[in-house]
Amino acid sequence: MGFGGGKPKKVEPFIPPPVIEDPAIEEAKRRERERLRKKRGRGASILTGPQGVLGPANVGLKTLLGE
């Protein structure tokens, strides 16, 4: 009576890719990160328009588990 199984599959060891430490590449990555950060700017932190919140205020009572 066998219960399947058999021999375990051989797993090949992980070989990490070679690391290239080129200053020009690192500088380009840094400039790209900086460009994307500046692109987001303050717009991501401003949640309302110049008129403020135009909808009704959410002043409902606290409920248990979203009831």
Protein backbone atom coordinates (compact mmCIF):
# COMPACT_ATOMS: atom_id res chain seq x y z
CA MET A 1 0.00 0.00 0.00
CA GLY A 2 1.57 3.20 -1.12
CA PHE A 3 0.36 6.69 -0.49
CA GLY A 4 1.73 8.43 -3.58
CA GLY A 5 4.59 10.67 -2.81
CA GLY A 6 7.59 9.19 -4.53
CA LYS A 7 10.89 11.00 -4.54
CA PRO A 8 10.91 14.72 -3.75
CA LYS A 9 11.63 16.99 -6.69
CA LYS A 10 15.11 18.43 -6.82
CA VAL A 11 15.05 22.19 -6.32
CA GLU A 12 17.78 24.18 -8.02
CA PRO A 13 19.57 26.66 -5.73
CA PHE A 14 18.75 30.34 -6.14
CA ILE A 15 21.52 32.26 -7.86
CA PRO A 16 21.08 36.04 -7.44
CA PRO A 17 21.66 38.19 -10.52
CA PRO A 18 24.99 39.97 -10.68
CA VAL A 19 25.05 43.42 -9.10
CA ILE A 20 26.32 46.17 -11.36
CA GLU A 21 27.61 49.13 -9.40
CA ASP A 22 27.87 51.82 -12.04
CA PRO A 23 27.78 55.38 -10.66
CA ALA A 24 25.99 56.63 -13.79
CA ILE A 25 23.18 54.09 -13.31
CA GLU A 26 22.84 54.94 -9.62
CA GLU A 27 22.68 58.66 -10.44
CA ALA A 28 20.00 58.03 -13.09
CA LYS A 29 17.93 56.02 -10.59
CA ARG A 30 18.28 58.78 -7.99
CA ARG A 31 17.22 61.46 -10.51
CA GLU A 32 14.20 59.38 -11.59
CA ARG A 33 13.08 58.87 -7.96
CA GLU A 34 13.45 62.61 -7.33
CA ARG A 35 11.51 63.44 -10.50
CA LEU A 36 8.63 61.15 -9.49
CA ARG A 37 8.61 62.58 -5.96
CA LYS A 38 8.40 66.13 -7.30
CA LYS A 39 5.70 65.10 -9.77
CA ARG A 40 3.45 64.04 -6.88
CA GLY A 41 4.11 67.32 -5.11
CA ARG A 42 1.60 68.80 -2.71
CA GLY A 43 -1.38 67.66 -4.75
CA ALA A 44 -1.43 64.31 -2.98
CA SER A 45 -1.84 65.98 0.41
CA ILE A 46 -4.64 68.40 -0.52
CA LEU A 47 -7.94 66.57 -0.15
CA THR A 48 -10.40 69.39 -0.85
CA GLY A 49 -10.83 72.07 -3.47
CA PRO A 50 -10.63 75.84 -2.99
CA GLN A 51 -14.27 75.95 -1.81
CA GLY A 52 -13.67 73.34 0.91
CA VAL A 53 -15.93 70.37 1.47
CA LEU A 54 -19.18 70.88 -0.45
CA GLY A 55 -21.06 67.75 0.67
CA PRO A 56 -23.05 67.33 3.86
CA ALA A 57 -21.12 66.71 7.05
CA ASN A 58 -20.90 63.11 8.20
CA VAL A 59 -22.18 63.50 11.77
CA GLY A 60 -23.81 60.11 12.22
CA LEU A 61 -23.56 58.23 15.48
CA LYS A 62 -20.83 55.69 15.97
CA THR A 63 -21.95 52.19 15.14
CA LEU A 64 -20.62 48.77 15.95
CA LEU A 65 -18.95 46.99 13.02
CA GLY A 66 -20.40 49.28 10.36
CA GLU A 67 -24.09 48.78 11.15
